[in-house]
Amino acid sequence: MSDVTIYHNPRCSKSRETLELLRQAAVEPQIVLYLDHPPSTATLTKMVADLGIDARALLRSNEKPYEELGLADPAWTNEALIGFMHAHPILMNRPIVVTAKGTRLGRPPESVLEIL
């Protein structure tokens, strides 16, 4: 099992680019298709903390559930937003790469190189 994990959406160009960049660096990551297997709320909480952001910064505001759930409302707590990302993983920005050296959002894809 790899010590590098990518939370991947194969339909996302940045996610595909990041996966290819990892493979070019001779890293074959554990691939989590997060739309099919959403991370737990505990995992999401840890990823948000490790990224050094609040949960809102990990949300994709252009997805349908964002508007339907009223997630633009600043009253939502980090905990609630993480719960929404778990229940509706399409809301989670991607790709996220996790290694022993840290966690990075692959936007741009090259940002993950510093944690390999």
PDB file of N, CA and C in Angstrom:
ATOM      1  N   MET A   1       0.837  -1.184   0.000  1.00  0.00           N
ATOM      2  CA  MET A   1       0.000   0.000   0.000  1.00  0.00           C
ATOM      3  C   MET A   1       0.881   1.245   0.000  1.00  0.00           C
ATOM      4  N   SER A   2       0.492   2.221  -0.794  1.00  0.00           N
ATOM      5  CA  SER A   2       1.248   3.457  -0.929  1.00  0.00           C
ATOM      6  C   SER A   2       1.076   4.339   0.307  1.00  0.00           C
ATOM      7  N   ASP A   3       2.104   5.127   0.603  1.00  0.00           N
ATOM      8  CA  ASP A   3       1.996   6.087   1.698  1.00  0.00           C
ATOM      9  C   ASP A   3       1.543   7.443   1.178  1.00  0.00           C
ATOM     10  N   VAL A   4       1.100   7.477  -0.087  1.00  0.00           N
ATOM     11  CA  VAL A   4       0.551   8.676  -0.706  1.00  0.00           C
ATOM     12  C   VAL A   4      -0.883   8.354  -1.118  1.00  0.00           C
ATOM     13  N   THR A   5      -1.799   9.231  -0.751  1.00  0.00           N
ATOM     14  CA  THR A   5      -3.206   9.048  -1.098  1.00  0.00           C
ATOM     15  C   THR A   5      -3.681  10.260  -1.871  1.00  0.00           C
ATOM     16  N   ILE A   6      -4.418  10.013  -2.942  1.00  0.00           N
ATOM     17  CA  ILE A   6      -5.047  11.093  -3.689  1.00  0.00           C
ATOM     18  C   ILE A   6      -6.555  10.882  -3.653  1.00  0.00           C
ATOM     19  N   TYR A   7      -7.261  11.929  -3.258  1.00  0.00           N
ATOM     20  CA  TYR A   7      -8.721  11.931  -3.320  1.00  0.00           C
ATOM     21  C   TYR A   7      -9.037  12.464  -4.713  1.00  0.00           C
ATOM     22  N   HIS A   8      -9.499  11.565  -5.570  1.00  0.00           N
ATOM     23  CA  HIS A   8      -9.483  11.756  -7.014  1.00  0.00           C
ATOM     24  C   HIS A   8     -10.870  11.709  -7.623  1.00  0.00           C
ATOM     25  N   ASN A   9     -11.085  12.579  -8.601  1.00  0.00           N
ATOM     26  CA  ASN A   9     -12.269  12.540  -9.448  1.00  0.00           C
ATOM     27  C   ASN A   9     -11.759  12.446 -10.879  1.00  0.00           C
ATOM     28  N   PRO A  10     -11.880  11.295 -11.530  1.00  0.00           N
ATOM     29  CA  PRO A  10     -11.329  11.131 -12.870  1.00  0.00           C
ATOM     30  C   PRO A  10     -11.938  12.056 -13.915  1.00  0.00           C
ATOM     31  N   ARG A  11     -13.063  12.677 -13.618  1.00  0.00           N
ATOM     32  CA  ARG A  11     -13.687  13.614 -14.561  1.00  0.00           C
ATOM     33  C   ARG A  11     -13.101  15.014 -14.456  1.00  0.00           C
ATOM     34  N   CYS A  12     -12.283  15.251 -13.442  1.00  0.00           N
ATOM     35  CA  CYS A  12     -11.705  16.575 -13.190  1.00  0.00           C
ATOM     36  C   CYS A  12     -10.315  16.656 -13.819  1.00  0.00           C
ATOM     37  N   SER A  13     -10.089  17.662 -14.654  1.00  0.00           N
ATOM     38  CA  SER A  13      -8.792  17.785 -15.329  1.00  0.00           C
ATOM     39  C   SER A  13      -7.656  18.018 -14.334  1.00  0.00           C
ATOM     40  N   LYS A  14      -7.857  18.816 -13.306  1.00  0.00           N
ATOM     41  CA  LYS A  14      -6.799  19.058 -12.315  1.00  0.00           C
ATOM     42  C   LYS A  14      -6.475  17.776 -11.549  1.00  0.00           C
ATOM     43  N   SER A  15      -7.482  16.987 -11.286  1.00  0.00           N
ATOM     44  CA  SER A  15      -7.267  15.723 -10.594  1.00  0.00           C
ATOM     45  C   SER A  15      -6.469  14.763 -11.481  1.00  0.00           C
ATOM     46  N   ARG A  16      -6.830  14.690 -12.746  1.00  0.00           N
ATOM     47  CA  ARG A  16      -6.084  13.832 -13.681  1.00  0.00           C
ATOM     48  C   ARG A  16      -4.641  14.321 -13.832  1.00  0.00           C
ATOM     49  N   GLU A  17      -4.457  15.633 -13.933  1.00  0.00           N
ATOM     50  CA  GLU A  17      -3.108  16.196 -14.057  1.00  0.00           C
ATOM     51  C   GLU A  17      -2.267  15.900 -12.820  1.00  0.00           C
ATOM     52  N   THR A  18      -2.863  16.009 -11.654  1.00  0.00           N
ATOM     53  CA  THR A  18      -2.137  15.744 -10.415  1.00  0.00           C
ATOM     54  C   THR A  18      -1.750  14.279 -10.319  1.00  0.00           C
ATOM     55  N   LEU A  19      -2.661  13.384 -10.667  1.00  0.00           N
ATOM     56  CA  LEU A  19      -2.355  11.956 -10.654  1.00  0.00           C
ATOM     57  C   LEU A  19      -1.207  11.656 -11.618  1.00  0.00           C
ATOM     58  N   GLU A  20      -1.241  12.232 -12.797  1.00  0.00           N
ATOM     59  CA  GLU A  20      -0.170  12.019 -13.775  1.00  0.00           C
ATOM     60  C   GLU A  20       1.160  12.571 -13.259  1.00  0.00           C
ATOM     61  N   LEU A  21       1.127  13.714 -12.611  1.00  0.00           N
ATOM     62  CA  LEU A  21       2.338  14.305 -12.035  1.00  0.00           C
ATOM     63  C   LEU A  21       2.932  13.390 -10.966  1.00  0.00           C
ATOM     64  N   LEU A  22       2.089  12.807 -10.124  1.00  0.00           N
ATOM     65  CA  LEU A  22       2.564  11.862  -9.115  1.00  0.00           C
ATOM     66  C   LEU A  22       3.232  10.663  -9.787  1.00  0.00           C
ATOM     67  N   ARG A  23       2.593  10.146 -10.813  1.00  0.00           N
ATOM     68  CA  ARG A  23       3.151   8.982 -11.505  1.00  0.00           C
ATOM     69  C   ARG A  23       4.462   9.322 -12.209  1.00  0.00           C
ATOM     70  N   GLN A  24       4.573  10.537 -12.748  1.00  0.00           N
ATOM     71  CA  GLN A  24       5.837  10.965 -13.364  1.00  0.00           C
ATOM     72  C   GLN A  24       6.948  11.073 -12.324  1.00  0.00           C
ATOM     73  N   ALA A  25       6.563  11.310 -11.067  1.00  0.00           N
ATOM     74  CA  ALA A  25       7.532  11.377  -9.966  1.00  0.00           C
ATOM     75  C   ALA A  25       7.776   9.984  -9.373  1.00  0.00           C
ATOM     76  N   ALA A  26       7.351   8.949 -10.079  1.00  0.00           N
ATOM     77  CA  ALA A  26       7.532   7.548  -9.662  1.00  0.00           C
ATOM     78  C   ALA A  26       6.767   7.216  -8.389  1.00  0.00           C
ATOM     79  N   VAL A  27       5.620   7.864  -8.195  1.00  0.00           N
ATOM     80  CA  VAL A  27       4.750   7.603  -7.047  1.00  0.00           C
ATOM     81  C   VAL A  27       3.447   7.014  -7.579  1.00  0.00           C
ATOM     82  N   GLU A  28       3.123   5.841  -7.092  1.00  0.00           N
ATOM     83  CA  GLU A  28       1.825   5.251  -7.426  1.00  0.00           C
ATOM     84  C   GLU A  28       0.962   5.359  -6.171  1.00  0.00           C
ATOM     85  N   PRO A  29       0.093   6.365  -6.134  1.00  0.00           N
ATOM     86  CA  PRO A  29      -0.672   6.617  -4.916  1.00  0.00           C
ATOM     87  C   PRO A  29      -1.840   5.654  -4.738  1.00  0.00           C
ATOM     88  N   GLN A  30      -2.304   5.614  -3.510  1.00  0.00           N
ATOM     89  CA  GLN A  30      -3.586   4.965  -3.240  1.00  0.00           C
ATOM     90  C   GLN A  30      -4.627   5.948  -3.768  1.00  0.00           C
ATOM     91  N   ILE A  31      -5.502   5.500  -4.629  1.00  0.00           N
ATOM     92  CA  ILE A  31      -6.501   6.371  -5.239  1.00  0.00           C
ATOM     93  C   ILE A  31      -7.837   6.155  -4.549  1.00  0.00           C
ATOM     94  N   VAL A  32      -8.371   7.225  -3.997  1.00  0.00           N
ATOM     95  CA  VAL A  32      -9.693   7.183  -3.380  1.00  0.00           C
ATOM     96  C   VAL A  32     -10.645   7.929  -4.312  1.00  0.00           C
ATOM     97  N   LEU A  33     -11.572   7.200  -4.891  1.00  0.00           N
ATOM     98  CA  LEU A  33     -12.600   7.821  -5.718  1.00  0.00           C
ATOM     99  C   LEU A  33     -13.661   8.360  -4.764  1.00  0.00           C
ATOM    100  N   TYR A  34     -13.421   9.576  -4.316  1.00  0.00           N
ATOM    101  CA  TYR A  34     -14.188  10.111  -3.188  1.00  0.00           C
ATOM    102  C   TYR A  34     -15.662  10.312  -3.487  1.00  0.00           C
ATOM    103  N   LEU A  35     -16.044  10.386  -4.757  1.00  0.00           N
ATOM    104  CA  LEU A  35     -17.472  10.492  -5.060  1.00  0.00           C
ATOM    105  C   LEU A  35     -18.189   9.183  -4.741  1.00  0.00           C
ATOM    106  N   ASP A  36     -17.467   8.066  -4.897  1.00  0.00           N
ATOM    107  CA  ASP A  36     -18.021   6.747  -4.584  1.00  0.00           C
ATOM    108  C   ASP A  36     -17.799   6.358  -3.124  1.00  0.00           C
ATOM    109  N   HIS A  37     -16.683   6.848  -2.557  1.00  0.00           N
ATOM    110  CA  HIS A  37     -16.291   6.507  -1.185  1.00  0.00           C
ATOM    111  C   HIS A  37     -15.900   7.787  -0.454  1.00  0.00           C
ATOM    112  N   PRO A  38     -16.897   8.578  -0.018  1.00  0.00           N
ATOM    113  CA  PRO A  38     -16.584   9.858   0.625  1.00  0.00           C
ATOM    114  C   PRO A  38     -15.760   9.663   1.893  1.00  0.00           C
ATOM    115  N   PRO A  39     -14.807  10.565   2.120  1.00  0.00           N
ATOM    116  CA  PRO A  39     -14.061  10.491   3.372  1.00  0.00           C
ATOM    117  C   PRO A  39     -15.000  10.728   4.557  1.00  0.00           C
ATOM    118  N   SER A  40     -14.666  10.122   5.681  1.00  0.00           N
ATOM    119  CA  SER A  40     -15.466  10.315   6.900  1.00  0.00           C
ATOM    120  C   SER A  40     -15.359  11.769   7.342  1.00  0.00           C
ATOM    121  N   THR A  41     -16.247  12.165   8.222  1.00  0.00           N
ATOM    122  CA  THR A  41     -16.165  13.533   8.738  1.00  0.00           C
ATOM    123  C   THR A  41     -14.867  13.732   9.519  1.00  0.00           C
ATOM    124  N   ALA A  42     -14.384  12.692  10.197  1.00  0.00           N
ATOM    125  CA  ALA A  42     -13.115  12.798  10.926  1.00  0.00           C
ATOM    126  C   ALA A  42     -11.957  12.999   9.945  1.00  0.00           C
ATOM    127  N   THR A  43     -11.961  12.268   8.829  1.00  0.00           N
ATOM    128  CA  THR A  43     -10.914  12.422   7.827  1.00  0.00           C
ATOM    129  C   THR A  43     -10.980  13.805   7.198  1.00  0.00           C
ATOM    130  N   LEU A  44     -12.178  14.263   6.867  1.00  0.00           N
ATOM    131  CA  LEU A  44     -12.331  15.603   6.300  1.00  0.00           C
ATOM    132  C   LEU A  44     -11.859  16.674   7.277  1.00  0.00           C
ATOM    133  N   THR A  45     -12.199  16.514   8.546  1.00  0.00           N
ATOM    134  CA  THR A  45     -11.769  17.473   9.569  1.00  0.00           C
ATOM    135  C   THR A  45     -10.248  17.526   9.636  1.00  0.00           C
ATOM    136  N   LYS A  46      -9.610  16.374   9.602  1.00  0.00           N
ATOM    137  CA  LYS A  46      -8.142  16.322   9.636  1.00  0.00           C
ATOM    138  C   LYS A  46      -7.546  16.947   8.378  1.00  0.00           C
ATOM    139  N   MET A  47      -8.113  16.652   7.214  1.00  0.00           N
ATOM    140  CA  MET A  47      -7.593  17.227   5.978  1.00  0.00           C
ATOM    141  C   MET A  47      -7.693  18.750   5.993  1.00  0.00           C
ATOM    142  N   VAL A  48      -8.824  19.268   6.426  1.00  0.00           N
ATOM    143  CA  VAL A  48      -9.008  20.725   6.505  1.00  0.00           C
ATOM    144  C   VAL A  48      -7.967  21.334   7.444  1.00  0.00           C
ATOM    145  N   ALA A  49      -7.776  20.711   8.603  1.00  0.00           N
ATOM    146  CA  ALA A  49      -6.777  21.210   9.559  1.00  0.00           C
ATOM    147  C   ALA A  49      -5.373  21.135   8.971  1.00  0.00           C
ATOM    148  N   ASP A  50      -5.055  20.007   8.329  1.00  0.00           N
ATOM    149  CA  ASP A  50      -3.725  19.836   7.747  1.00  0.00           C
ATOM    150  C   ASP A  50      -3.478  20.797   6.587  1.00  0.00           C
ATOM    151  N   LEU A  51      -4.532  21.172   5.878  1.00  0.00           N
ATOM    152  CA  LEU A  51      -4.406  22.152   4.800  1.00  0.00           C
ATOM    153  C   LEU A  51      -4.249  23.572   5.359  1.00  0.00           C
ATOM    154  N   GLY A  52      -4.625  23.762   6.628  1.00  0.00           N
ATOM    155  CA  GLY A  52      -4.523  25.077   7.244  1.00  0.00           C
ATOM    156  C   GLY A  52      -5.577  26.050   6.742  1.00  0.00           C
ATOM    157  N   ILE A  53      -6.750  25.514   6.420  1.00  0.00           N
ATOM    158  CA  ILE A  53      -7.837  26.337   5.909  1.00  0.00           C
ATOM    159  C   ILE A  53      -9.084  26.067   6.735  1.00  0.00           C
ATOM    160  N   ASP A  54     -10.123  26.874   6.521  1.00  0.00           N
ATOM    161  CA  ASP A  54     -11.395  26.503   7.128  1.00  0.00           C
ATOM    162  C   ASP A  54     -12.178  25.697   6.102  1.00  0.00           C
ATOM    163  N   ALA A  55     -13.189  25.033   6.542  1.00  0.00           N
ATOM    164  CA  ALA A  55     -13.943  24.117   5.675  1.00  0.00           C
ATOM    165  C   ALA A  55     -14.540  24.841   4.474  1.00  0.00           C
ATOM    166  N   ARG A  56     -14.951  26.075   4.653  1.00  0.00           N
ATOM    167  CA  ARG A  56     -15.555  26.830   3.550  1.00  0.00           C
ATOM    168  C   ARG A  56     -14.602  26.931   2.357  1.00  0.00           C
ATOM    169  N   ALA A  57     -13.300  27.028   2.623  1.00  0.00           N
ATOM    170  CA  ALA A  57     -12.314  27.164   1.550  1.00  0.00           C
ATOM    171  C   ALA A  57     -12.177  25.883   0.729  1.00  0.00           C
ATOM    172  N   LEU A  58     -12.684  24.776   1.243  1.00  0.00           N
ATOM    173  CA  LEU A  58     -12.622  23.504   0.521  1.00  0.00           C
ATOM    174  C   LEU A  58     -13.901  23.233  -0.277  1.00  0.00           C
ATOM    175  N   LEU A  59     -14.895  24.085  -0.119  1.00  0.00           N
ATOM    176  CA  LEU A  59     -16.167  23.890  -0.814  1.00  0.00           C
ATOM    177  C   LEU A  59     -16.096  24.352  -2.266  1.00  0.00           C
ATOM    178  N   ARG A  60     -16.761  23.614  -3.115  1.00  0.00           N
ATOM    179  CA  ARG A  60     -16.948  24.032  -4.509  1.00  0.00           C
ATOM    180  C   ARG A  60     -18.303  24.728  -4.597  1.00  0.00           C
ATOM    181  N   SER A  61     -18.261  26.027  -4.767  1.00  0.00           N
ATOM    182  CA  SER A  61     -19.496  26.820  -4.762  1.00  0.00           C
ATOM    183  C   SER A  61     -20.277  26.726  -6.070  1.00  0.00           C
ATOM    184  N   ASN A  62     -19.692  26.144  -7.102  1.00  0.00           N
ATOM    185  CA  ASN A  62     -20.388  26.056  -8.380  1.00  0.00           C
ATOM    186  C   ASN A  62     -21.151  24.740  -8.562  1.00  0.00           C
ATOM    187  N   GLU A  63     -21.255  23.955  -7.512  1.00  0.00           N
ATOM    188  CA  GLU A  63     -21.994  22.694  -7.586  1.00  0.00           C
ATOM    189  C   GLU A  63     -23.435  22.900  -7.106  1.00  0.00           C
ATOM    190  N   LYS A  64     -24.349  22.139  -7.683  1.00  0.00           N
ATOM    191  CA  LYS A  64     -25.779  22.277  -7.407  1.00  0.00           C
ATOM    192  C   LYS A  64     -26.137  22.210  -5.918  1.00  0.00           C
ATOM    193  N   PRO A  65     -25.595  21.247  -5.147  1.00  0.00           N
ATOM    194  CA  PRO A  65     -25.974  21.189  -3.726  1.00  0.00           C
ATOM    195  C   PRO A  65     -25.583  22.446  -2.939  1.00  0.00           C
ATOM    196  N   TYR A  66     -24.557  23.151  -3.384  1.00  0.00           N
ATOM    197  CA  TYR A  66     -24.128  24.371  -2.682  1.00  0.00           C
ATOM    198  C   TYR A  66     -25.283  25.369  -2.614  1.00  0.00           C
ATOM    199  N   GLU A  67     -25.898  25.603  -3.745  1.00  0.00           N
ATOM    200  CA  GLU A  67     -27.022  26.544  -3.788  1.00  0.00           C
ATOM    201  C   GLU A  67     -28.255  25.960  -3.100  1.00  0.00           C
ATOM    202  N   GLU A  68     -28.550  24.697  -3.401  1.00  0.00           N
ATOM    203  CA  GLU A  68     -29.743  24.059  -2.837  1.00  0.00           C
ATOM    204  C   GLU A  68     -29.730  24.050  -1.306  1.00  0.00           C
ATOM    205  N   LEU A  69     -28.547  23.885  -0.722  1.00  0.00           N
ATOM    206  CA  LEU A  69     -28.425  23.804   0.738  1.00  0.00           C
ATOM    207  C   LEU A  69     -28.185  25.166   1.394  1.00  0.00           C
ATOM    208  N   GLY A  70     -28.064  26.200   0.584  1.00  0.00           N
ATOM    209  CA  GLY A  70     -27.837  27.537   1.127  1.00  0.00           C
ATOM    210  C   GLY A  70     -26.470  27.684   1.794  1.00  0.00           C
ATOM    211  N   LEU A  71     -25.444  27.064   1.223  1.00  0.00           N
ATOM    212  CA  LEU A  71     -24.141  27.038   1.871  1.00  0.00           C
ATOM    213  C   LEU A  71     -23.373  28.358   1.782  1.00  0.00           C
ATOM    214  N   ALA A  72     -23.887  29.317   1.029  1.00  0.00           N
ATOM    215  CA  ALA A  72     -23.256  30.637   0.994  1.00  0.00           C
ATOM    216  C   ALA A  72     -23.492  31.384   2.308  1.00  0.00           C
ATOM    217  N   ASP A  73     -24.466  30.941   3.079  1.00  0.00           N
ATOM    218  CA  ASP A  73     -24.779  31.573   4.363  1.00  0.00           C
ATOM    219  C   ASP A  73     -23.584  31.435   5.309  1.00  0.00           C
ATOM    220  N   PRO A  74     -23.018  32.567   5.757  1.00  0.00           N
ATOM    221  CA  PRO A  74     -21.837  32.505   6.626  1.00  0.00           C
ATOM    222  C   PRO A  74     -22.120  31.928   8.016  1.00  0.00           C
ATOM    223  N   ALA A  75     -23.372  31.664   8.326  1.00  0.00           N
ATOM    224  CA  ALA A  75     -23.716  31.111   9.643  1.00  0.00           C
ATOM    225  C   ALA A  75     -23.330  29.634   9.775  1.00  0.00           C
ATOM    226  N   TRP A  76     -23.101  28.949   8.653  1.00  0.00           N
ATOM    227  CA  TRP A  76     -22.730  27.529   8.734  1.00  0.00           C
ATOM    228  C   TRP A  76     -21.367  27.384   9.393  1.00  0.00           C
ATOM    229  N   THR A  77     -21.273  26.474  10.354  1.00  0.00           N
ATOM    230  CA  THR A  77     -20.004  26.216  11.051  1.00  0.00           C
ATOM    231  C   THR A  77     -19.120  25.291  10.214  1.00  0.00           C
ATOM    232  N   ASN A  78     -17.842  25.243  10.560  1.00  0.00           N
ATOM    233  CA  ASN A  78     -16.931  24.299   9.907  1.00  0.00           C
ATOM    234  C   ASN A  78     -17.469  22.881  10.029  1.00  0.00           C
ATOM    235  N   GLU A  79     -17.922  22.524  11.215  1.00  0.00           N
ATOM    236  CA  GLU A  79     -18.436  21.173  11.454  1.00  0.00           C
ATOM    237  C   GLU A  79     -19.611  20.857  10.529  1.00  0.00           C
ATOM    238  N   ALA A  80     -20.527  21.813  10.385  1.00  0.00           N
ATOM    239  CA  ALA A  80     -21.686  21.607   9.513  1.00  0.00           C
ATOM    240  C   ALA A  80     -21.256  21.487   8.052  1.00  0.00           C
ATOM    241  N   LEU A  81     -20.331  22.342   7.619  1.00  0.00           N
ATOM    242  CA  LEU A  81     -19.866  22.298   6.232  1.00  0.00           C
ATOM    243  C   LEU A  81     -19.156  20.980   5.933  1.00  0.00           C
ATOM    244  N   ILE A  82     -18.392  20.494   6.887  1.00  0.00           N
ATOM    245  CA  ILE A  82     -17.736  19.190   6.724  1.00  0.00           C
ATOM    246  C   ILE A  82     -18.789  18.090   6.609  1.00  0.00           C
ATOM    247  N   GLY A  83     -19.827  18.176   7.390  1.00  0.00           N
ATOM    248  CA  GLY A  83     -20.929  17.213   7.290  1.00  0.00           C
ATOM    249  C   GLY A  83     -21.578  17.241   5.917  1.00  0.00           C
ATOM    250  N   PHE A  84     -21.758  18.440   5.360  1.00  0.00           N
ATOM    251  CA  PHE A  84     -22.326  18.542   4.019  1.00  0.00           C
ATOM    252  C   PHE A  84     -21.389  17.941   2.970  1.00  0.00           C
ATOM    253  N   MET A  85     -20.072  18.161   3.119  1.00  0.00           N
ATOM    254  CA  MET A  85     -19.121  17.578   2.160  1.00  0.00           C
ATOM    255  C   MET A  85     -19.125  16.055   2.241  1.00  0.00           C
ATOM    256  N   HIS A  86     -19.312  15.524   3.446  1.00  0.00           N
ATOM    257  CA  HIS A  86     -19.388  14.071   3.591  1.00  0.00           C
ATOM    258  C   HIS A  86     -20.656  13.543   2.914  1.00  0.00           C
ATOM    259  N   ALA A  87     -21.765  14.223   3.137  1.00  0.00           N
ATOM    260  CA  ALA A  87     -23.042  13.779   2.580  1.00  0.00           C
ATOM    261  C   ALA A  87     -23.141  14.034   1.066  1.00  0.00           C
ATOM    262  N   HIS A  88     -22.451  15.069   0.599  1.00  0.00           N
ATOM    263  CA  HIS A  88     -22.483  15.460  -0.816  1.00  0.00           C
ATOM    264  C   HIS A  88     -21.036  15.667  -1.273  1.00  0.00           C
ATOM    265  N   PRO A  89     -20.290  14.599  -1.507  1.00  0.00           N
ATOM    266  CA  PRO A  89     -18.858  14.735  -1.783  1.00  0.00           C
ATOM    267  C   PRO A  89     -18.528  15.561  -3.023  1.00  0.00           C
ATOM    268  N   ILE A  90     -19.500  15.784  -3.902  1.00  0.00           N
ATOM    269  CA  ILE A  90     -19.269  16.631  -5.069  1.00  0.00           C
ATOM    270  C   ILE A  90     -18.907  18.058  -4.640  1.00  0.00           C
ATOM    271  N   LEU A  91     -19.253  18.413  -3.411  1.00  0.00           N
ATOM    272  CA  LEU A  91     -18.946  19.746  -2.876  1.00  0.00           C
ATOM    273  C   LEU A  91     -17.469  19.923  -2.536  1.00  0.00           C
ATOM    274  N   MET A  92     -16.741  18.824  -2.436  1.00  0.00           N
ATOM    275  CA  MET A  92     -15.339  18.881  -2.000  1.00  0.00           C
ATOM    276  C   MET A  92     -14.431  19.261  -3.163  1.00  0.00           C
ATOM    277  N   ASN A  93     -13.614  20.276  -2.954  1.00  0.00           N
ATOM    278  CA  ASN A  93     -12.641  20.643  -3.958  1.00  0.00           C
ATOM    279  C   ASN A  93     -11.615  19.530  -4.091  1.00  0.00           C
ATOM    280  N   ARG A  94     -11.035  19.391  -5.274  1.00  0.00           N
ATOM    281  CA  ARG A  94     -10.132  18.284  -5.528  1.00  0.00           C
ATOM    282  C   ARG A  94      -9.082  18.695  -6.520  1.00  0.00           C
ATOM    283  N   PRO A  95      -8.069  17.862  -6.606  1.00  0.00           N
ATOM    284  CA  PRO A  95      -7.745  16.681  -5.818  1.00  0.00           C
ATOM    285  C   PRO A  95      -7.053  17.073  -4.524  1.00  0.00           C
ATOM    286  N   ILE A  96      -7.114  16.211  -3.547  1.00  0.00           N
ATOM    287  CA  ILE A  96      -6.369  16.389  -2.306  1.00  0.00           C
ATOM    288  C   ILE A  96      -5.382  15.235  -2.231  1.00  0.00           C
ATOM    289  N   VAL A  97      -4.117  15.582  -1.969  1.00  0.00           N
ATOM    290  CA  VAL A  97      -3.069  14.579  -1.836  1.00  0.00           C
ATOM    291  C   VAL A  97      -2.571  14.609  -0.399  1.00  0.00           C
ATOM    292  N   VAL A  98      -2.484  13.419   0.201  1.00  0.00           N
ATOM    293  CA  VAL A  98      -2.045  13.276   1.585  1.00  0.00           C
ATOM    294  C   VAL A  98      -0.816  12.378   1.599  1.00  0.00           C
ATOM    295  N   THR A  99       0.254  12.865   2.249  1.00  0.00           N
ATOM    296  CA  THR A  99       1.465  12.068   2.440  1.00  0.00           C
ATOM    297  C   THR A  99       1.900  12.221   3.893  1.00  0.00           C
ATOM    298  N   ALA A 100       2.961  11.522   4.269  1.00  0.00           N
ATOM    299  CA  ALA A 100       3.502  11.659   5.621  1.00  0.00           C
ATOM    300  C   ALA A 100       4.053  13.063   5.849  1.00  0.00           C
ATOM    301  N   LYS A 101       4.374  13.770   4.765  1.00  0.00           N
ATOM    302  CA  LYS A 101       4.940  15.121   4.878  1.00  0.00           C
ATOM    303  C   LYS A 101       3.898  16.226   4.864  1.00  0.00           C
ATOM    304  N   GLY A 102       2.640  15.886   4.607  1.00  0.00           N
ATOM    305  CA  GLY A 102       1.615  16.919   4.614  1.00  0.00           C
ATOM    306  C   GLY A 102       0.455  16.611   3.697  1.00  0.00           C
ATOM    307  N   THR A 103      -0.404  17.597   3.582  1.00  0.00           N
ATOM    308  CA  THR A 103      -1.620  17.510   2.773  1.00  0.00           C
ATOM    309  C   THR A 103      -1.670  18.747   1.887  1.00  0.00           C
ATOM    310  N   ARG A 104      -1.991  18.545   0.611  1.00  0.00           N
ATOM    311  CA  ARG A 104      -2.073  19.663  -0.320  1.00  0.00           C
ATOM    312  C   ARG A 104      -3.257  19.475  -1.250  1.00  0.00           C
ATOM    313  N   LEU A 105      -3.852  20.600  -1.615  1.00  0.00           N
ATOM    314  CA  LEU A 105      -4.864  20.641  -2.657  1.00  0.00           C
ATOM    315  C   LEU A 105      -4.108  20.777  -3.977  1.00  0.00           C
ATOM    316  N   GLY A 106      -4.392  19.929  -4.931  1.00  0.00           N
ATOM    317  CA  GLY A 106      -3.675  19.920  -6.195  1.00  0.00           C
ATOM    318  C   GLY A 106      -4.126  21.007  -7.148  1.00  0.00           C
ATOM    319  N   ARG A 107      -4.144  22.216  -6.681  1.00  0.00           N
ATOM    320  CA  ARG A 107      -4.498  23.383  -7.497  1.00  0.00           C
ATOM    321  C   ARG A 107      -3.504  24.484  -7.199  1.00  0.00           C
ATOM    322  N   PRO A 108      -2.471  24.599  -7.979  1.00  0.00           N
ATOM    323  CA  PRO A 108      -2.140  23.851  -9.184  1.00  0.00           C
ATOM    324  C   PRO A 108      -1.554  22.477  -8.839  1.00  0.00           C
ATOM    325  N   PRO A 109      -1.546  21.569  -9.790  1.00  0.00           N
ATOM    326  CA  PRO A 109      -1.036  20.225  -9.512  1.00  0.00           C
ATOM    327  C   PRO A 109       0.371  20.205  -8.922  1.00  0.00           C
ATOM    328  N   GLU A 110       1.213  21.111  -9.347  1.00  0.00           N
ATOM    329  CA  GLU A 110       2.615  21.141  -8.881  1.00  0.00           C
ATOM    330  C   GLU A 110       2.731  21.377  -7.378  1.00  0.00           C
ATOM    331  N   SER A 111       1.701  21.884  -6.755  1.00  0.00           N
ATOM    332  CA  SER A 111       1.761  22.156  -5.317  1.00  0.00           C
ATOM    333  C   SER A 111       1.958  20.889  -4.490  1.00  0.00           C
ATOM    334  N   VAL A 112       1.639  19.724  -5.056  1.00  0.00           N
ATOM    335  CA  VAL A 112       1.784  18.476  -4.305  1.00  0.00           C
ATOM    336  C   VAL A 112       3.238  17.995  -4.270  1.00  0.00           C
ATOM    337  N   LEU A 113       4.075  18.501  -5.145  1.00  0.00           N
ATOM    338  CA  LEU A 113       5.466  18.038  -5.204  1.00  0.00           C
ATOM    339  C   LEU A 113       6.218  18.298  -3.908  1.00  0.00           C
ATOM    340  N   GLU A 114       5.880  19.368  -3.212  1.00  0.00           N
ATOM    341  CA  GLU A 114       6.601  19.715  -1.986  1.00  0.00           C
ATOM    342  C   GLU A 114       6.340  18.754  -0.826  1.00  0.00           C
ATOM    343  N   ILE A 115       5.354  17.881  -0.956  1.00  0.00           N
ATOM    344  CA  ILE A 115       5.075  16.936   0.134  1.00  0.00           C
ATOM    345  C   ILE A 115       5.429  15.495  -0.232  1.00  0.00           C
ATOM    346  N   LEU A 116       6.123  15.323  -1.345  1.00  0.00           N
ATOM    347  CA  LEU A 116       6.537  13.963  -1.741  1.00  0.00           C
ATOM    348  C   LEU A 116       7.835  13.601  -1.079  1.00  0.00           C
TER     349      LEU A 116
END
